[in-house]
Protein backbone atom coordinates (compact mmCIF):
# COMPACT_ATOMS: atom_id res chain seq x y z
CA MET A 1 48.02 -30.05 -76.76
CA LEU A 2 45.07 -31.54 -78.59
CA GLN A 3 42.99 -29.23 -80.75
CA PRO A 4 39.77 -30.81 -82.04
CA LEU A 5 38.05 -29.33 -85.08
CA ASN A 6 34.59 -27.80 -85.40
CA ASP A 7 32.28 -28.45 -82.40
CA ILE A 8 34.06 -31.61 -81.24
CA ALA A 9 35.10 -31.84 -77.58
CA ILE A 10 37.32 -34.42 -75.89
CA ILE A 11 35.92 -35.57 -72.55
CA VAL A 12 37.06 -37.74 -69.65
CA PRO A 13 35.04 -38.92 -66.63
CA ILE A 14 35.54 -36.95 -63.45
CA ASP A 15 35.17 -40.05 -61.25
CA LEU A 16 36.81 -43.10 -62.83
CA SER A 17 35.41 -45.39 -60.12
CA LEU A 18 31.89 -44.81 -61.53
CA MET A 19 33.07 -46.16 -64.89
CA GLU A 20 34.04 -49.61 -63.59
CA LEU A 21 32.30 -52.72 -64.82
CA THR A 22 32.37 -55.92 -62.78
CA LYS A 23 32.08 -59.53 -63.89
CA SER A 24 28.53 -60.69 -63.26
CA ASP A 25 27.47 -64.18 -62.18
CA SER A 26 25.19 -64.15 -65.19
CA PHE A 27 26.35 -63.71 -68.77
CA GLY A 28 28.44 -60.63 -69.62
CA MET A 29 29.60 -57.58 -67.75
CA LYS A 30 27.54 -55.55 -65.30
CA ALA A 31 27.90 -51.92 -64.29
CA ALA A 32 29.26 -51.75 -60.76
CA LYS A 33 27.27 -48.68 -59.79
CA ASP A 34 23.90 -49.15 -61.49
CA ALA A 35 22.15 -47.60 -58.50
CA VAL A 36 23.98 -44.30 -59.04
CA PRO A 37 21.59 -41.56 -60.23
CA GLU A 38 22.01 -40.58 -63.88
CA GLU A 39 23.20 -37.08 -63.03
CA CYS A 40 26.16 -38.41 -61.04
CA LEU A 41 28.12 -39.43 -64.13
CA ARG A 42 29.91 -36.21 -64.96
CA TRP A 43 32.54 -35.51 -67.60
CA LYS A 44 35.32 -32.92 -67.81
CA ILE A 45 36.15 -31.29 -71.14
CA ILE A 46 39.90 -31.39 -71.74
CA ALA A 47 39.90 -29.98 -75.30
CA ALA A 48 37.30 -28.31 -77.52
CA GLY A 49 37.13 -27.16 -81.12
CA PRO A 50 36.34 -23.55 -82.06
CA GLY A 51 32.83 -24.17 -83.41
CA ASN A 52 31.05 -24.53 -86.74
CA PHE A 53 30.61 -22.13 -89.63
CA SER A 54 27.07 -21.10 -90.53
CA SER A 55 25.82 -21.13 -94.12
CA ALA A 56 26.73 -17.41 -94.22
CA GLY A 57 30.33 -18.24 -93.32
CA ILE A 58 30.16 -16.86 -89.78
CA LEU A 59 31.79 -18.87 -87.00
CA VAL A 60 29.25 -20.04 -84.42
CA PRO A 61 31.35 -20.66 -81.26
CA ASN A 62 31.37 -24.09 -79.67
CA PRO A 63 29.13 -24.02 -76.57
CA LEU A 64 31.60 -26.37 -74.84
CA HIS A 65 34.81 -25.00 -73.31
CA ILE A 66 37.91 -26.53 -71.77
CA GLY A 67 37.28 -27.11 -68.07
CA ASP A 68 33.48 -27.40 -68.34
CA THR A 69 31.81 -30.20 -66.41
CA ILE A 70 28.97 -31.77 -68.37
CA ILE A 71 26.28 -34.42 -68.09
CA ILE A 72 25.33 -36.28 -71.28
CA GLY A 73 21.62 -36.89 -71.73
CA GLY A 74 19.95 -39.24 -74.14
CA VAL A 75 22.44 -42.00 -73.32
CA SER A 76 22.24 -44.18 -70.21
CA ASN A 77 25.08 -44.28 -67.73
CA ARG A 78 25.27 -48.02 -68.36
CA GLY A 79 25.72 -47.40 -72.08
CA LEU A 80 28.46 -44.86 -71.39
CA ARG A 81 30.21 -47.29 -69.02
CA GLU A 82 30.08 -50.08 -71.59
CA THR A 83 31.47 -47.76 -74.28
CA TRP A 84 34.21 -46.65 -71.87
CA ALA A 85 35.12 -50.27 -71.06
CA LYS A 86 35.60 -51.03 -74.77
CA MET A 87 37.80 -47.99 -75.39
CA ILE A 88 41.51 -48.44 -75.87
CA GLU A 89 44.05 -46.07 -74.41
CA LEU A 90 44.63 -43.78 -77.33
CA LEU A 91 46.80 -40.91 -76.20
CA ASP A 92 49.59 -41.01 -73.63
CA GLY A 93 47.95 -44.04 -72.02
CA GLN A 94 44.70 -42.12 -71.45
CA LYS A 95 41.19 -43.02 -72.55
CA PHE A 96 38.79 -40.36 -73.70
CA LEU A 97 35.49 -39.96 -75.52
CA LEU A 98 34.44 -37.44 -78.13
CA CYS A 99 31.21 -35.48 -78.11
CA ARG A 100 29.81 -32.65 -80.20
CA GLY A 101 28.67 -29.31 -78.88
CA PHE A 102 25.89 -29.07 -81.47
CA ALA A 103 24.82 -32.73 -81.34
CA THR A 104 21.17 -33.33 -82.12
CA ASP A 105 20.97 -36.97 -80.98
CA LYS A 106 22.01 -36.22 -77.37
CA PHE A 107 21.73 -33.24 -75.14
CA LEU A 108 24.56 -31.90 -73.03
CA ILE A 109 24.10 -30.01 -69.79
CA VAL A 110 26.93 -27.82 -68.55
CA VAL A 111 26.81 -28.12 -64.78
CA ASP A 112 30.02 -26.26 -63.95
CA ARG A 113 32.05 -23.81 -65.98
CA GLU A 114 35.57 -22.77 -65.04
CA LYS A 115 36.14 -19.07 -65.55
C-alpha cells in the first residue's frame, strides 16, 4: 500500500474515457471531450499523507482522505488531460497524479466523501 508523506495525495480519474486525447486534423493533440463541463472531471483519492506539522509542532491533518472524490480548480480539464496523456505508468501498470491538500496554487473541492 502506498503511503504518501505530508499533505500529498495520490489521485486517479474516476472516468478514464474523459481523459482521452484524439489526434486532431490540425497540429497536435486535441481533447476528445472539450465540451464536457469543468466539474465533470472528477478524481478519486487512492492514498493520502497524514498532514503537515505547524510551526508549533502540532500535526494539522490532511483535508484529503482515501476514497474522497475531488474536483481540481485552477487548472483546466484540457491541461489535466494533456498532463495525464504524458504520464507514464508508474506503479503496477497504473497512472496517477499527485496533489497537495494544502496547495495554494489550486483549489480542491471534495464532492463526495466515503465514510
